[in-house]
Amino acid sequence: MPAEGWKKLDDPEMIDSPDLEQFVFCRTLEPIEIDVSGESNVLNEGEEEEDDDDYGDNLQAHPAGAFLIVMYKKVRELISEGKVQLLM
């Protein structure tokens, strides 16, 4: 087999990156807040966006032990911090 047939293991083509838009099933290990600003929501669909500086509407609080189905990009950092456990 020719030498160019072998690729380095750290070659970008060899490394898969996660799909940040994929929904994942996870469990919170401690109370967390998830920023949902800019995300469409069934509850606020059809409402016009207001330019209020009310940041509370953009945060969702979840207690420890809660099970969530959420986009990976929203919990990626929380998973690496050990605050959320990825189940699927």
PDB file of N, CA and C in Angstrom:
ATOM      1  N   MET A   1       0.844  -1.178   0.000  1.00  0.00           N
ATOM      2  CA  MET A   1       0.000   0.000   0.000  1.00  0.00           C
ATOM      3  C   MET A   1       0.889   1.240   0.000  1.00  0.00           C
ATOM      4  N   PRO A   2       0.569   2.219  -0.843  1.00  0.00           N
ATOM      5  CA  PRO A   2       1.390   3.433  -0.910  1.00  0.00           C
ATOM      6  C   PRO A   2       1.328   4.242   0.388  1.00  0.00           C
ATOM      7  N   ALA A   3       2.414   4.936   0.680  1.00  0.00           N
ATOM      8  CA  ALA A   3       2.517   5.711   1.923  1.00  0.00           C
ATOM      9  C   ALA A   3       1.446   6.789   2.008  1.00  0.00           C
ATOM     10  N   GLU A   4       1.055   7.394   0.875  1.00  0.00           N
ATOM     11  CA  GLU A   4       0.041   8.450   0.928  1.00  0.00           C
ATOM     12  C   GLU A   4      -1.355   7.901   1.251  1.00  0.00           C
ATOM     13  N   GLY A   5      -1.489   6.587   1.215  1.00  0.00           N
ATOM     14  CA  GLY A   5      -2.759   5.955   1.573  1.00  0.00           C
ATOM     15  C   GLY A   5      -3.033   5.998   3.071  1.00  0.00           C
ATOM     16  N   TRP A   6      -1.974   6.154   3.838  1.00  0.00           N
ATOM     17  CA  TRP A   6      -2.125   6.237   5.297  1.00  0.00           C
ATOM     18  C   TRP A   6      -2.273   7.700   5.694  1.00  0.00           C
ATOM     19  N   LYS A   7      -3.242   7.984   6.519  1.00  0.00           N
ATOM     20  CA  LYS A   7      -3.445   9.360   6.971  1.00  0.00           C
ATOM     21  C   LYS A   7      -3.063   9.476   8.436  1.00  0.00           C
ATOM     22  N   LYS A   8      -2.688  10.674   8.815  1.00  0.00           N
ATOM     23  CA  LYS A   8      -2.403  10.933  10.223  1.00  0.00           C
ATOM     24  C   LYS A   8      -3.703  10.872  11.010  1.00  0.00           C
ATOM     25  N   LEU A   9      -3.626  10.390  12.229  1.00  0.00           N
ATOM     26  CA  LEU A   9      -4.822  10.302  13.065  1.00  0.00           C
ATOM     27  C   LEU A   9      -5.367  11.669  13.463  1.00  0.00           C
ATOM     28  N   ASP A  10      -4.525  12.701  13.444  1.00  0.00           N
ATOM     29  CA  ASP A  10      -4.997  14.030  13.793  1.00  0.00           C
ATOM     30  C   ASP A  10      -5.349  14.865  12.561  1.00  0.00           C
ATOM     31  N   ASP A  11      -5.397  14.232  11.398  1.00  0.00           N
ATOM     32  CA  ASP A  11      -5.815  14.905  10.176  1.00  0.00           C
ATOM     33  C   ASP A  11      -7.275  15.340  10.339  1.00  0.00           C
ATOM     34  N   PRO A  12      -7.619  16.595  10.011  1.00  0.00           N
ATOM     35  CA  PRO A  12      -8.994  17.070  10.187  1.00  0.00           C
ATOM     36  C   PRO A  12     -10.054  16.178   9.531  1.00  0.00           C
ATOM     37  N   GLU A  13      -9.713  15.501   8.474  1.00  0.00           N
ATOM     38  CA  GLU A  13     -10.670  14.607   7.830  1.00  0.00           C
ATOM     39  C   GLU A  13     -10.954  13.370   8.685  1.00  0.00           C
ATOM     40  N   MET A  14     -10.055  13.043   9.582  1.00  0.00           N
ATOM     41  CA  MET A  14     -10.193  11.849  10.406  1.00  0.00           C
ATOM     42  C   MET A  14     -10.964  12.112  11.704  1.00  0.00           C
ATOM     43  N   ILE A  15     -11.122  13.378  12.067  1.00  0.00           N
ATOM     44  CA  ILE A  15     -11.748  13.725  13.337  1.00  0.00           C
ATOM     45  C   ILE A  15     -13.187  14.174  13.093  1.00  0.00           C
ATOM     46  N   ASP A  16     -14.126  13.463  13.702  1.00  0.00           N
ATOM     47  CA  ASP A  16     -15.527  13.860  13.618  1.00  0.00           C
ATOM     48  C   ASP A  16     -15.793  14.957  14.629  1.00  0.00           C
ATOM     49  N   SER A  17     -16.580  15.932  14.226  1.00  0.00           N
ATOM     50  CA  SER A  17     -16.996  16.961  15.170  1.00  0.00           C
ATOM     51  C   SER A  17     -18.492  16.794  15.420  1.00  0.00           C
ATOM     52  N   PRO A  18     -18.946  17.115  16.612  1.00  0.00           N
ATOM     53  CA  PRO A  18     -20.365  16.911  16.929  1.00  0.00           C
ATOM     54  C   PRO A  18     -21.254  17.868  16.151  1.00  0.00           C
ATOM     55  N   ASP A  19     -22.474  17.426  15.889  1.00  0.00           N
ATOM     56  CA  ASP A  19     -23.477  18.258  15.237  1.00  0.00           C
ATOM     57  C   ASP A  19     -24.109  19.114  16.326  1.00  0.00           C
ATOM     58  N   LEU A  20     -23.785  20.389  16.364  1.00  0.00           N
ATOM     59  CA  LEU A  20     -24.259  21.273  17.421  1.00  0.00           C
ATOM     60  C   LEU A  20     -25.758  21.510  17.352  1.00  0.00           C
ATOM     61  N   GLU A  21     -26.368  21.276  16.190  1.00  0.00           N
ATOM     62  CA  GLU A  21     -27.801  21.484  16.009  1.00  0.00           C
ATOM     63  C   GLU A  21     -28.610  20.239  16.356  1.00  0.00           C
ATOM     64  N   GLN A  22     -27.955  19.147  16.705  1.00  0.00           N
ATOM     65  CA  GLN A  22     -28.630  17.883  17.022  1.00  0.00           C
ATOM     66  C   GLN A  22     -29.249  17.955  18.419  1.00  0.00           C
ATOM     67  N   PHE A  23     -30.464  17.429  18.559  1.00  0.00           N
ATOM     68  CA  PHE A  23     -31.091  17.355  19.871  1.00  0.00           C
ATOM     69  C   PHE A  23     -30.542  16.149  20.626  1.00  0.00           C
ATOM     70  N   VAL A  24     -30.317  16.339  21.922  1.00  0.00           N
ATOM     71  CA  VAL A  24     -29.782  15.285  22.775  1.00  0.00           C
ATOM     72  C   VAL A  24     -30.680  15.118  23.999  1.00  0.00           C
ATOM     73  N   PHE A  25     -30.615  13.946  24.596  1.00  0.00           N
ATOM     74  CA  PHE A  25     -31.358  13.628  25.815  1.00  0.00           C
ATOM     75  C   PHE A  25     -30.359  13.653  26.952  1.00  0.00           C
ATOM     76  N   CYS A  26     -30.628  14.448  27.979  1.00  0.00           N
ATOM     77  CA  CYS A  26     -29.667  14.578  29.067  1.00  0.00           C
ATOM     78  C   CYS A  26     -30.378  14.770  30.398  1.00  0.00           C
ATOM     79  N   ARG A  27     -29.592  14.673  31.480  1.00  0.00           N
ATOM     80  CA  ARG A  27     -30.107  14.837  32.839  1.00  0.00           C
ATOM     81  C   ARG A  27     -29.243  15.860  33.555  1.00  0.00           C
ATOM     82  N   THR A  28     -29.898  16.751  34.277  1.00  0.00           N
ATOM     83  CA  THR A  28     -29.158  17.751  35.038  1.00  0.00           C
ATOM     84  C   THR A  28     -28.660  17.123  36.335  1.00  0.00           C
ATOM     85  N   LEU A  29     -27.428  17.396  36.683  1.00  0.00           N
ATOM     86  CA  LEU A  29     -26.836  16.865  37.910  1.00  0.00           C
ATOM     87  C   LEU A  29     -26.882  17.881  39.037  1.00  0.00           C
ATOM     88  N   GLU A  30     -27.136  19.132  38.679  1.00  0.00           N
ATOM     89  CA  GLU A  30     -27.305  20.208  39.651  1.00  0.00           C
ATOM     90  C   GLU A  30     -28.206  21.261  39.012  1.00  0.00           C
ATOM     91  N   PRO A  31     -28.760  22.182  39.789  1.00  0.00           N
ATOM     92  CA  PRO A  31     -29.626  23.210  39.190  1.00  0.00           C
ATOM     93  C   PRO A  31     -28.853  24.026  38.148  1.00  0.00           C
ATOM     94  N   ILE A  32     -29.479  24.241  36.999  1.00  0.00           N
ATOM     95  CA  ILE A  32     -28.821  24.971  35.913  1.00  0.00           C
ATOM     96  C   ILE A  32     -29.795  25.968  35.295  1.00  0.00           C
ATOM     97  N   GLU A  33     -29.246  26.904  34.545  1.00  0.00           N
ATOM     98  CA  GLU A  33     -30.035  27.812  33.719  1.00  0.00           C
ATOM     99  C   GLU A  33     -29.499  27.715  32.306  1.00  0.00           C
ATOM    100  N   ILE A  34     -30.411  27.628  31.330  1.00  0.00           N
ATOM    101  CA  ILE A  34     -30.032  27.543  29.927  1.00  0.00           C
ATOM    102  C   ILE A  34     -30.523  28.801  29.219  1.00  0.00           C
ATOM    103  N   ASP A  35     -29.617  29.469  28.513  1.00  0.00           N
ATOM    104  CA  ASP A  35     -29.962  30.666  27.749  1.00  0.00           C
ATOM    105  C   ASP A  35     -30.611  30.236  26.438  1.00  0.00           C
ATOM    106  N   VAL A  36     -31.859  30.626  26.242  1.00  0.00           N
ATOM    107  CA  VAL A  36     -32.586  30.250  25.026  1.00  0.00           C
ATOM    108  C   VAL A  36     -32.851  31.462  24.134  1.00  0.00           C
ATOM    109  N   SER A  37     -32.091  32.525  24.305  1.00  0.00           N
ATOM    110  CA  SER A  37     -32.286  33.716  23.479  1.00  0.00           C
ATOM    111  C   SER A  37     -32.016  33.381  22.016  1.00  0.00           C
ATOM    112  N   GLY A  38     -32.857  33.891  21.161  1.00  0.00           N
ATOM    113  CA  GLY A  38     -32.703  33.661  19.731  1.00  0.00           C
ATOM    114  C   GLY A  38     -33.291  32.360  19.243  1.00  0.00           C
ATOM    115  N   GLU A  39     -33.823  31.536  20.136  1.00  0.00           N
ATOM    116  CA  GLU A  39     -34.412  30.257  19.753  1.00  0.00           C
ATOM    117  C   GLU A  39     -35.919  30.410  19.635  1.00  0.00           C
ATOM    118  N   SER A  40     -36.494  29.787  18.603  1.00  0.00           N
ATOM    119  CA  SER A  40     -37.948  29.797  18.491  1.00  0.00           C
ATOM    120  C   SER A  40     -38.513  28.865  19.545  1.00  0.00           C
ATOM    121  N   ASN A  41     -39.690  29.199  20.028  1.00  0.00           N
ATOM    122  CA  ASN A  41     -40.306  28.451  21.116  1.00  0.00           C
ATOM    123  C   ASN A  41     -41.787  28.310  20.811  1.00  0.00           C
ATOM    124  N   VAL A  42     -42.343  27.150  21.004  1.00  0.00           N
ATOM    125  CA  VAL A  42     -43.756  26.911  20.741  1.00  0.00           C
ATOM    126  C   VAL A  42     -44.620  27.857  21.582  1.00  0.00           C
ATOM    127  N   LEU A  43     -44.160  28.169  22.787  1.00  0.00           N
ATOM    128  CA  LEU A  43     -44.941  29.009  23.679  1.00  0.00           C
ATOM    129  C   LEU A  43     -44.987  30.467  23.232  1.00  0.00           C
ATOM    130  N   ASN A  44     -43.939  30.955  22.554  1.00  0.00           N
ATOM    131  CA  ASN A  44     -43.934  32.350  22.131  1.00  0.00           C
ATOM    132  C   ASN A  44     -44.041  32.499  20.621  1.00  0.00           C
ATOM    133  N   GLU A  45     -44.394  31.443  19.924  1.00  0.00           N
ATOM    134  CA  GLU A  45     -44.524  31.492  18.472  1.00  0.00           C
ATOM    135  C   GLU A  45     -45.664  32.426  18.105  1.00  0.00           C
ATOM    136  N   GLY A  46     -45.450  33.286  17.134  1.00  0.00           N
ATOM    137  CA  GLY A  46     -46.470  34.222  16.693  1.00  0.00           C
ATOM    138  C   GLY A  46     -46.436  35.547  17.428  1.00  0.00           C
ATOM    139  N   GLU A  47     -45.735  35.611  18.535  1.00  0.00           N
ATOM    140  CA  GLU A  47     -45.606  36.864  19.271  1.00  0.00           C
ATOM    141  C   GLU A  47     -44.497  37.692  18.656  1.00  0.00           C
ATOM    142  N   GLU A  48     -44.691  38.993  18.660  1.00  0.00           N
ATOM    143  CA  GLU A  48     -43.642  39.869  18.158  1.00  0.00           C
ATOM    144  C   GLU A  48     -42.572  40.025  19.214  1.00  0.00           C
ATOM    145  N   GLU A  49     -41.334  40.094  18.754  1.00  0.00           N
ATOM    146  CA  GLU A  49     -40.234  40.259  19.694  1.00  0.00           C
ATOM    147  C   GLU A  49     -40.217  41.683  20.206  1.00  0.00           C
ATOM    148  N   GLU A  50     -39.977  41.818  21.485  1.00  0.00           N
ATOM    149  CA  GLU A  50     -39.882  43.123  22.098  1.00  0.00           C
ATOM    150  C   GLU A  50     -38.419  43.408  22.388  1.00  0.00           C
ATOM    151  N   ASP A  51     -38.055  44.675  22.394  1.00  0.00           N
ATOM    152  CA  ASP A  51     -36.678  45.064  22.643  1.00  0.00           C
ATOM    153  C   ASP A  51     -36.438  45.364  24.116  1.00  0.00           C
ATOM    154  N   ASP A  52     -37.146  44.664  24.998  1.00  0.00           N
ATOM    155  CA  ASP A  52     -36.950  44.867  26.429  1.00  0.00           C
ATOM    156  C   ASP A  52     -35.601  44.318  26.845  1.00  0.00           C
ATOM    157  N   ASP A  53     -35.059  44.877  27.885  1.00  0.00           N
ATOM    158  CA  ASP A  53     -33.814  44.363  28.441  1.00  0.00           C
ATOM    159  C   ASP A  53     -34.103  43.357  29.544  1.00  0.00           C
ATOM    160  N   ASP A  54     -35.218  42.662  29.455  1.00  0.00           N
ATOM    161  CA  ASP A  54     -35.624  41.684  30.448  1.00  0.00           C
ATOM    162  C   ASP A  54     -34.973  40.345  30.124  1.00  0.00           C
ATOM    163  N   TYR A  55     -33.809  40.096  30.700  1.00  0.00           N
ATOM    164  CA  TYR A  55     -33.057  38.886  30.382  1.00  0.00           C
ATOM    165  C   TYR A  55     -33.684  37.648  30.985  1.00  0.00           C
ATOM    166  N   GLY A  56     -34.563  37.800  31.971  1.00  0.00           N
ATOM    167  CA  GLY A  56     -35.178  36.657  32.622  1.00  0.00           C
ATOM    168  C   GLY A  56     -35.970  35.788  31.664  1.00  0.00           C
ATOM    169  N   ASP A  57     -36.537  36.374  30.615  1.00  0.00           N
ATOM    170  CA  ASP A  57     -37.323  35.605  29.656  1.00  0.00           C
ATOM    171  C   ASP A  57     -36.447  34.687  28.809  1.00  0.00           C
ATOM    172  N   ASN A  58     -35.158  34.950  28.757  1.00  0.00           N
ATOM    173  CA  ASN A  58     -34.254  34.165  27.926  1.00  0.00           C
ATOM    174  C   ASN A  58     -33.592  33.021  28.682  1.00  0.00           C
ATOM    175  N   LEU A  59     -33.804  32.938  29.974  1.00  0.00           N
ATOM    176  CA  LEU A  59     -33.187  31.883  30.773  1.00  0.00           C
ATOM    177  C   LEU A  59     -34.244  30.890  31.231  1.00  0.00           C
ATOM    178  N   GLN A  60     -33.947  29.622  31.064  1.00  0.00           N
ATOM    179  CA  GLN A  60     -34.814  28.564  31.569  1.00  0.00           C
ATOM    180  C   GLN A  60     -34.088  27.886  32.724  1.00  0.00           C
ATOM    181  N   ALA A  61     -34.737  27.842  33.876  1.00  0.00           N
ATOM    182  CA  ALA A  61     -34.149  27.204  35.056  1.00  0.00           C
ATOM    183  C   ALA A  61     -34.615  25.753  35.124  1.00  0.00           C
ATOM    184  N   HIS A  62     -33.686  24.861  35.437  1.00  0.00           N
ATOM    185  CA  HIS A  62     -33.980  23.430  35.561  1.00  0.00           C
ATOM    186  C   HIS A  62     -33.354  22.910  36.842  1.00  0.00           C
ATOM    187  N   PRO A  63     -34.146  22.195  37.656  1.00  0.00           N
ATOM    188  CA  PRO A  63     -33.600  21.665  38.917  1.00  0.00           C
ATOM    189  C   PRO A  63     -32.707  20.445  38.676  1.00  0.00           C
ATOM    190  N   ALA A  64     -31.944  20.086  39.669  1.00  0.00           N
ATOM    191  CA  ALA A  64     -31.126  18.869  39.600  1.00  0.00           C
ATOM    192  C   ALA A  64     -32.041  17.669  39.416  1.00  0.00           C
ATOM    193  N   GLY A  65     -31.648  16.752  38.551  1.00  0.00           N
ATOM    194  CA  GLY A  65     -32.436  15.551  38.297  1.00  0.00           C
ATOM    195  C   GLY A  65     -33.442  15.682  37.168  1.00  0.00           C
ATOM    196  N   ALA A  66     -33.534  16.865  36.569  1.00  0.00           N
ATOM    197  CA  ALA A  66     -34.474  17.073  35.460  1.00  0.00           C
ATOM    198  C   ALA A  66     -33.942  16.399  34.203  1.00  0.00           C
ATOM    199  N   PHE A  67     -34.838  15.846  33.399  1.00  0.00           N
ATOM    200  CA  PHE A  67     -34.476  15.258  32.121  1.00  0.00           C
ATOM    201  C   PHE A  67     -34.860  16.237  31.026  1.00  0.00           C
ATOM    202  N   LEU A  68     -33.951  16.450  30.079  1.00  0.00           N
ATOM    203  CA  LEU A  68     -34.157  17.451  29.037  1.00  0.00           C
ATOM    204  C   LEU A  68     -33.901  16.873  27.656  1.00  0.00           C
ATOM    205  N   ILE A  69     -34.629  17.367  26.687  1.00  0.00           N
ATOM    206  CA  ILE A  69     -34.313  17.162  25.274  1.00  0.00           C
ATOM    207  C   ILE A  69     -34.014  18.553  24.747  1.00  0.00           C
ATOM    208  N   VAL A  70     -32.759  18.773  24.396  1.00  0.00           N
ATOM    209  CA  VAL A  70     -32.300  20.124  24.069  1.00  0.00           C
ATOM    210  C   VAL A  70     -31.210  20.039  23.006  1.00  0.00           C
ATOM    211  N   MET A  71     -31.000  21.134  22.266  1.00  0.00           N
ATOM    212  CA  MET A  71     -29.915  21.153  21.281  1.00  0.00           C
ATOM    213  C   MET A  71     -28.577  21.036  21.994  1.00  0.00           C
ATOM    214  N   TYR A  72     -27.689  20.251  21.411  1.00  0.00           N
ATOM    215  CA  TYR A  72     -26.378  20.009  22.007  1.00  0.00           C
ATOM    216  C   TYR A  72     -25.627  21.310  22.266  1.00  0.00           C
ATOM    217  N   LYS A  73     -25.756  22.292  21.356  1.00  0.00           N
ATOM    218  CA  LYS A  73     -25.009  23.541  21.522  1.00  0.00           C
ATOM    219  C   LYS A  73     -25.404  24.297  22.784  1.00  0.00           C
ATOM    220  N   LYS A  74     -26.617  24.051  23.292  1.00  0.00           N
ATOM    221  CA  LYS A  74     -27.072  24.745  24.498  1.00  0.00           C
ATOM    222  C   LYS A  74     -26.522  24.122  25.779  1.00  0.00           C
ATOM    223  N   VAL A  75     -26.125  22.853  25.744  1.00  0.00           N
ATOM    224  CA  VAL A  75     -25.643  22.185  26.965  1.00  0.00           C
ATOM    225  C   VAL A  75     -24.199  21.703  26.859  1.00  0.00           C
ATOM    226  N   ARG A  76     -23.562  21.944  25.749  1.00  0.00           N
ATOM    227  CA  ARG A  76     -22.194  21.459  25.532  1.00  0.00           C
ATOM    228  C   ARG A  76     -21.246  21.881  26.650  1.00  0.00           C
ATOM    229  N   GLU A  77     -21.269  23.143  26.999  1.00  0.00           N
ATOM    230  CA  GLU A  77     -20.379  23.637  28.051  1.00  0.00           C
ATOM    231  C   GLU A  77     -20.767  23.062  29.413  1.00  0.00           C
ATOM    232  N   LEU A  78     -22.069  22.930  29.668  1.00  0.00           N
ATOM    233  CA  LEU A  78     -22.539  22.372  30.935  1.00  0.00           C
ATOM    234  C   LEU A  78     -22.133  20.907  31.082  1.00  0.00           C
ATOM    235  N   ILE A  79     -22.085  20.177  29.979  1.00  0.00           N
ATOM    236  CA  ILE A  79     -21.644  18.783  30.004  1.00  0.00           C
ATOM    237  C   ILE A  79     -20.168  18.712  30.383  1.00  0.00           C
ATOM    238  N   SER A  80     -19.366  19.581  29.769  1.00  0.00           N
ATOM    239  CA  SER A  80     -17.926  19.559  30.072  1.00  0.00           C
ATOM    240  C   SER A  80     -17.639  20.026  31.499  1.00  0.00           C
ATOM    241  N   GLU A  81     -18.540  20.830  32.082  1.00  0.00           N
ATOM    242  CA  GLU A  81     -18.375  21.282  33.467  1.00  0.00           C
ATOM    243  C   GLU A  81     -18.890  20.250  34.472  1.00  0.00           C
ATOM    244  N   GLY A  82     -19.531  19.193  33.979  1.00  0.00           N
ATOM    245  CA  GLY A  82     -20.047  18.150  34.864  1.00  0.00           C
ATOM    246  C   GLY A  82     -21.394  18.497  35.493  1.00  0.00           C
ATOM    247  N   LYS A  83     -22.076  19.491  34.965  1.00  0.00           N
ATOM    248  CA  LYS A  83     -23.378  19.887  35.510  1.00  0.00           C
ATOM    249  C   LYS A  83     -24.535  19.154  34.833  1.00  0.00           C
ATOM    250  N   VAL A  84     -24.279  18.611  33.653  1.00  0.00           N
ATOM    251  CA  VAL A  84     -25.289  17.886  32.877  1.00  0.00           C
ATOM    252  C   VAL A  84     -24.673  16.579  32.396  1.00  0.00           C
ATOM    253  N   GLN A  85     -25.461  15.510  32.452  1.00  0.00           N
ATOM    254  CA  GLN A  85     -24.998  14.201  31.981  1.00  0.00           C
ATOM    255  C   GLN A  85     -25.710  13.891  30.666  1.00  0.00           C
ATOM    256  N   LEU A  86     -24.926  13.624  29.636  1.00  0.00           N
ATOM    257  CA  LEU A  86     -25.472  13.272  28.326  1.00  0.00           C
ATOM    258  C   LEU A  86     -25.910  11.815  28.358  1.00  0.00           C
ATOM    259  N   LEU A  87     -27.182  11.561  28.040  1.00  0.00           N
ATOM    260  CA  LEU A  87     -27.703  10.198  28.067  1.00  0.00           C
ATOM    261  C   LEU A  87     -27.815   9.610  26.683  1.00  0.00           C
ATOM    262  N   MET A  88     -28.091  10.404  25.695  1.00  0.00           N
ATOM    263  CA  MET A  88     -28.240   9.923  24.328  1.00  0.00           C
ATOM    264  C   MET A  88     -27.917  10.987  23.326  1.00  0.00           C
TER     265      MET A  88
END
